[in-house]
Protein backbone atom coordinates (compact mmCIF):
# COMPACT_ATOMS: atom_id res chain seq x y z
CA MET A 1 22.40 4.46 32.56
CA VAL A 2 23.71 7.90 30.38
CA SER A 3 26.10 8.69 33.42
CA SER A 4 27.61 12.44 32.28
CA SER A 5 25.92 15.64 30.99
CA HIS A 6 28.97 14.50 28.28
CA GLU A 7 27.59 11.87 27.10
CA ALA A 8 24.11 12.95 26.65
CA LEU A 9 24.59 15.95 25.27
CA HIS A 10 26.09 14.42 22.14
CA ARG A 11 24.08 10.90 22.56
CA ILE A 12 20.34 13.36 22.70
CA PHE A 13 21.12 13.79 18.76
CA GLN A 14 22.13 9.55 17.83
CA LYS A 15 18.77 8.95 19.27
CA ASP A 16 16.76 11.32 17.50
CA PRO A 17 19.93 12.80 14.38
CA ALA A 18 17.21 14.78 12.41
CA LEU A 19 17.01 17.29 15.15
CA LEU A 20 20.48 18.29 14.53
CA THR A 21 19.53 19.34 11.56
CA ARG A 22 16.64 21.27 12.19
CA ALA A 23 19.79 22.96 15.28
CA LEU A 24 21.12 24.02 12.08
CA GLN A 25 19.05 25.31 9.83
CA HIS A 26 16.82 26.97 12.44
CA VAL A 27 19.20 27.83 15.96
CA LEU A 28 21.75 28.31 13.67
CA GLY A 29 20.44 29.29 10.52
CA ILE A 30 23.60 27.12 8.29
CA PRO A 31 20.86 25.73 4.66
CA PHE A 32 21.89 22.65 5.42
CA PRO A 33 20.35 20.52 2.72
CA GLU A 34 17.46 18.01 4.37
CA PRO A 35 18.79 14.56 4.71
CA ARG A 36 16.75 11.60 3.06
CA GLU A 37 18.49 9.48 5.66
CA PHE A 38 20.83 8.62 8.64
CA ALA A 39 23.43 6.52 9.15
CA ALA A 40 25.44 6.33 12.61
CA MET A 41 29.43 5.44 11.90
CA ASN A 42 32.77 4.41 13.96
CA VAL A 43 33.70 7.49 16.09
CA ASP A 44 36.95 5.66 16.78
CA LEU A 45 39.84 7.48 14.24
CA THR A 46 42.57 5.84 15.25
CA GLU A 47 45.75 5.32 12.79
CA ILE A 48 48.02 2.18 12.92
CA GLU A 49 49.73 4.72 15.92
CA PRO A 50 48.95 3.67 19.87
CA VAL A 51 47.59 7.11 20.37
CA GLU A 52 43.37 7.41 20.03
CA LEU A 53 41.68 9.59 18.93
CA ARG A 54 37.98 9.47 18.75
CA VAL A 55 34.79 12.10 18.60
CA ASP A 56 31.42 11.89 20.34
CA THR A 57 28.84 11.19 17.83
CA LEU A 58 29.64 10.70 13.83
CA LEU A 59 26.91 10.22 12.00
CA ARG A 60 26.44 10.78 8.52
CA ALA A 61 23.59 12.87 6.10
CA GLU A 62 22.62 11.65 2.75
CA THR A 63 21.24 14.95 1.25
CA ASP A 64 20.13 15.88 -2.88
CA GLU A 65 22.93 17.92 -2.39
CA GLY A 66 25.70 15.72 -1.46
CA VAL A 67 26.52 13.14 1.84
CA TYR A 68 27.87 15.17 4.96
CA LEU A 69 29.23 14.01 8.24
CA LEU A 70 28.35 15.41 10.49
CA VAL A 71 30.90 15.74 13.64
CA VAL A 72 30.12 16.51 17.29
CA GLU A 73 31.86 16.71 20.14
CA SER A 74 30.28 18.05 23.81
CA GLN A 75 32.06 20.25 25.31
CA GLY A 76 32.38 20.61 29.43
CA LYS A 77 35.25 23.47 29.35
CA LYS A 78 37.66 25.67 27.39
CA ASP A 79 40.35 22.45 26.27
CA GLU A 80 43.25 23.50 23.11
CA GLY A 81 44.29 19.75 23.48
CA LYS A 82 40.63 19.78 21.60
CA ARG A 83 41.31 22.97 19.70
CA ARG A 84 44.21 21.03 17.81
CA SER A 85 42.97 17.87 17.70
CA TRP A 86 39.42 19.04 15.45
CA PRO A 87 40.86 19.70 13.11
CA TYR A 88 43.41 16.75 12.69
CA TYR A 89 39.36 14.60 12.57
CA LEU A 90 37.92 16.77 9.63
CA SER A 91 40.68 16.36 7.20
CA TYR A 92 41.20 13.03 8.39
CA LEU A 93 37.88 11.70 7.72
CA HIS A 94 37.24 13.79 4.27
CA ALA A 95 40.87 11.60 3.53
CA LYS A 96 39.00 8.43 4.02
CA TYR A 97 35.20 9.20 3.13
CA GLN A 98 35.72 11.88 0.84
CA CYS A 99 32.98 13.51 2.06
CA ASP A 100 31.84 16.72 3.96
CA PRO A 101 32.31 16.86 7.49
CA VAL A 102 30.72 19.42 9.60
CA LEU A 103 32.08 20.11 13.18
CA ILE A 104 28.84 20.98 15.58
CA VAL A 105 30.33 21.34 19.40
CA ILE A 106 27.64 21.00 21.72
CA THR A 107 28.13 23.34 25.93
CA GLN A 108 26.26 23.68 28.41
CA ASN A 109 28.12 26.60 29.20
CA SER A 110 28.17 30.18 27.60
CA ALA A 111 32.23 30.69 27.81
CA THR A 112 32.59 27.66 27.12
CA ALA A 113 30.54 28.85 23.67
CA ARG A 114 32.44 31.72 22.77
CA TRP A 115 35.52 30.19 23.25
CA ALA A 116 34.27 27.22 20.46
CA ALA A 117 33.47 29.23 17.82
CA GLU A 118 36.93 30.87 17.52
CA PRO A 119 38.60 29.67 14.07
CA ILE A 120 41.40 27.70 14.32
CA HIS A 121 43.43 29.09 12.10
CA LEU A 122 46.73 26.80 11.10
CA GLY A 123 49.51 28.28 9.00
CA VAL A 124 51.21 32.17 7.99
CA ARG A 125 49.19 34.39 9.96
CA GLY A 126 47.01 36.92 7.78
CA CYS A 127 47.27 34.07 5.46
CA PRO A 128 45.84 30.56 7.03
CA SER A 129 46.25 27.58 5.36
CA LEU A 130 43.45 26.19 6.70
CA THR A 131 40.75 27.94 8.97
CA VAL A 132 38.25 25.30 10.83
CA ARG A 133 35.66 27.69 11.68
CA PRO A 134 33.11 24.90 14.83
CA LEU A 135 29.80 25.40 14.74
CA VAL A 136 28.52 25.56 18.46
CA LEU A 137 24.92 24.94 20.32
CA GLY A 138 24.68 26.29 23.91
CA PRO A 139 22.76 28.25 26.37
CA ASP A 140 22.94 31.69 23.87
CA ASN A 141 21.14 30.03 21.08
CA VAL A 142 19.17 27.11 21.45
CA PRO A 143 16.12 28.19 22.49
CA VAL A 144 13.55 28.02 26.22
CA ILE A 145 11.17 26.28 25.41
CA ALA A 146 8.64 26.99 28.13
CA ASP A 147 5.89 26.43 27.06
CA GLU A 148 4.23 22.49 27.29
CA ARG A 149 2.31 23.07 23.23
CA GLU A 150 6.07 24.58 21.92
CA ALA A 151 7.71 21.56 23.30
CA GLU A 152 5.20 19.57 22.24
CA ARG A 153 5.79 20.44 18.72
CA ASP A 154 9.54 19.35 18.54
CA VAL A 155 10.23 17.25 21.99
CA PRO A 156 13.76 16.64 21.47
CA LEU A 157 14.33 20.26 20.90
CA ALA A 158 12.66 21.33 23.56
CA VAL A 159 15.34 18.48 25.37
CA LEU A 160 17.54 19.92 24.29
CA SER A 161 16.57 23.16 25.47
CA ALA A 162 16.50 21.21 29.09
CA MET A 163 19.84 20.10 29.23
CA THR A 164 21.09 23.83 28.04
CA HIS A 165 18.97 25.72 30.68
CA GLY A 166 18.60 22.81 33.22
CA ARG A 167 20.33 25.62 36.10
CA GLY A 168 18.70 29.62 34.72
CA PRO A 169 16.23 31.28 35.79
CA MET A 170 13.48 29.26 32.70
CA ALA A 171 14.15 26.00 34.59
CA ALA A 172 11.33 25.05 36.82
CA ALA A 173 8.89 26.59 33.52
CA ILE A 174 11.10 24.43 30.66
CA LEU A 175 11.09 21.38 32.69
CA GLU A 176 7.62 21.31 33.85
CA SER A 177 6.64 22.26 30.17
CA LEU A 178 8.78 19.34 28.87
CA ALA A 179 6.97 16.86 31.11
CA ALA A 180 4.02 17.58 30.02
CA ALA A 181 5.17 16.82 26.62
CA LEU A 182 6.88 13.79 26.85
CA ARG A 183 3.29 12.07 26.98
CA THR A 184 3.31 12.11 23.65
CA SER A 185 6.95 10.63 23.51
CA ASP A 186 6.80 6.64 23.10
CA ALA A 187 7.67 5.21 26.22
CA GLU A 188 10.83 4.30 24.58
CA SER A 189 12.05 7.70 23.96
CA ALA A 190 10.72 8.69 26.36
CA ALA A 191 12.77 6.74 28.92
CA ALA A 192 15.94 8.07 26.65
CA PHE A 193 14.96 11.31 27.06
CA VAL A 194 14.42 11.82 30.85
CA GLN A 195 17.87 10.14 31.07
CA PHE A 196 19.13 12.92 29.07
CA VAL A 197 18.02 15.28 30.91
CA ASP A 198 18.65 13.91 34.04
CA SER A 199 21.89 13.78 33.29
CA CYS A 200 23.00 17.09 32.33
CA LEU A 201 20.69 19.27 35.42
CA ALA A 202 23.55 20.20 37.38
CA ASP A 203 21.71 22.37 40.01
CA PRO A 204 20.48 19.89 42.60
CA GLN A 205 17.11 21.64 43.13
CA ALA A 206 16.46 21.93 39.14
CA GLN A 207 17.40 18.27 39.56
CA GLN A 208 15.13 16.57 42.04
CA MET A 209 11.78 19.08 40.37
CA TRP A 210 12.96 16.70 37.75
CA ARG A 211 12.25 14.07 39.01
CA ASP A 212 9.67 14.88 41.34
CA LEU A 213 7.53 15.33 38.16
CA MET A 214 8.37 12.24 37.05
CA THR A 215 6.93 9.73 39.73
CA ALA A 216 3.50 11.68 38.00
CA ILE A 217 4.55 9.76 34.54
CA ASN A 218 4.05 5.84 34.09
CA TYR A 219 6.05 5.84 31.39
CA PHE A 220 9.58 6.75 33.93
CA TRP A 221 8.26 4.18 36.63
CA ARG A 222 10.47 1.44 33.85
CA HIS A 223 13.09 3.73 33.22
CA PRO A 224 16.24 2.22 35.30
CA LEU A 225 16.86 5.90 37.42
CA ALA A 226 12.63 5.19 38.53
CA GLU A 227 14.22 2.59 40.61
CA GLN A 228 16.31 5.22 42.03
CA VAL A 229 13.73 6.92 43.25
CA ARG A 230 11.81 4.31 44.89
CA GLU A 231 14.31 3.07 47.24
CA GLU A 232 14.66 6.71 48.28
CA GLY A 233 10.40 6.77 48.56
CA ARG A 234 10.79 3.34 50.25
CA GLU A 235 13.50 4.58 52.76
CA GLU A 236 12.17 7.29 53.71
CA GLY A 237 8.21 6.55 53.42
CA ARG A 238 5.88 8.16 49.42
CA ALA A 239 3.78 9.52 51.84
CA GLN A 240 5.92 11.88 53.20
CA GLU A 241 8.17 12.18 50.77
CA ARG A 242 5.62 13.15 47.62
CA ALA A 243 5.01 15.86 51.12
CA GLU A 244 8.51 17.29 50.24
CA SER A 245 8.75 17.34 46.81
CA VAL A 246 5.36 19.33 47.42
CA LEU A 247 6.89 21.90 49.53
CA ARG A 248 10.25 21.68 48.21
CA THR A 249 7.99 22.97 44.51
CA LEU A 250 6.85 25.54 46.03
CA GLN A 251 9.78 27.00 47.63
CA TRP A 252 12.61 25.91 44.52
CA ARG A 253 9.56 28.92 42.98
CA GLY A 254 10.15 30.99 45.29
CA ILE A 255 6.68 31.00 46.71
CA ASP A 256 5.97 31.58 50.61
CA VAL A 257 5.31 28.19 52.24
CA PRO A 258 2.35 29.76 55.74
CA GLU A 259 3.46 27.05 58.34
CA ALA A 260 -1.00 25.82 57.59
CA VAL A 261 -0.34 25.36 54.39
CA ARG A 262 3.11 22.81 55.37
CA ASP A 263 1.01 21.01 58.28
CA ARG A 264 -2.44 20.37 56.42
CA VAL A 265 0.57 18.64 53.61
CA PHE A 266 2.42 16.60 55.64
CA THR A 267 -0.14 15.10 57.46
CA SER A 268 -2.19 14.59 54.43
CA THR A 269 -1.40 10.16 53.50
CA ASP A 270 -3.66 10.25 50.56
CA MET A 271 -1.13 9.56 47.63
CA ASP A 272 -3.71 10.63 45.46
CA GLU A 273 -4.20 13.67 47.26
CA LEU A 274 -0.49 14.53 47.57
CA GLY A 275 0.48 13.42 43.69
CA THR A 276 -2.87 16.50 43.07
CA TRP A 277 -1.15 18.81 45.14
CA LEU A 278 2.52 17.71 43.70
CA GLU A 279 1.46 18.77 39.59
CA ARG A 280 -0.26 21.80 41.46
CA SER A 281 3.07 23.03 42.70
CA TYR A 282 4.11 23.57 39.46
CA GLN A 283 1.38 25.61 38.39
CA VAL A 284 0.06 27.59 41.73
CA ASP A 285 0.83 30.90 42.40
CA ASP A 286 -0.13 30.85 45.99
CA ALA A 287 0.65 28.06 48.53
CA TRP A 288 -3.08 28.22 49.46
CA GLU A 289 -4.03 27.38 46.36
CA LEU A 290 -3.18 23.59 45.99
CA PHE A 291 -6.07 22.88 47.61
CA ASN A 292 -9.05 24.68 45.55
CA GLY A 293 -7.11 23.70 42.09
CA GLY A 294 -6.13 27.40 41.62
CA GLY A 295 -3.65 29.11 39.84
CA SER A 296 -2.58 30.44 36.37
């Protein structure tokens, strides 16, 4: 399993390298040529000296304009050591493989994104011998995909949207749209995407909402993360857990829950009924609409 947001943020591009091309072209506006094929490469850049240097993800992209090496670095916070390492990475790769490297930094933090995007100048001030300009993907430029149809058109990009905007005000709509869109993906890809998103949701409420959404999707139950959810459900009682999920979702969306609604949800032991209410809890505008299927 992917255990951290750092891993997930770059490994999504290993899962779908073409997403990186689309991000360069459509998010950053870089006229990157369309690759004919991709190949994963060894991320270890260590030389003979006992100093380990390793990039997060390294992809070789064959295009009509030539070969590019796509260097993806996941960055959680400012790290001046990285700004000293990045020029070395690019110079080393250029010298070893004799093709152009492209540095892409991905982050969930706007301040880190601004820091990472600053050019790195080496040499005389005002007349540098080498300038490195990282291309940065983050919450300020990755699109917010909160529409189910839009999510279905590009599921990997919708996953990236959830990973970078998972703590913002649009998180609920983003996660709900992605959950629906994942039903159009094959089981293996969907399971990987579920894991990436789960690893990147730092907001406990958003993460719990995501896990609640996933319990209703069949392929999720074949995913390792599901065993944790199932174990929690066995400990607390499946019906009670689902009832709590319904009420938690309403509360997280800012919908007032009258005591009568709360009592009716908690007294139900019908798993199908509770499942229906859980699905409606992401759509209704009034808590009473749980029971009649109303809402937008």
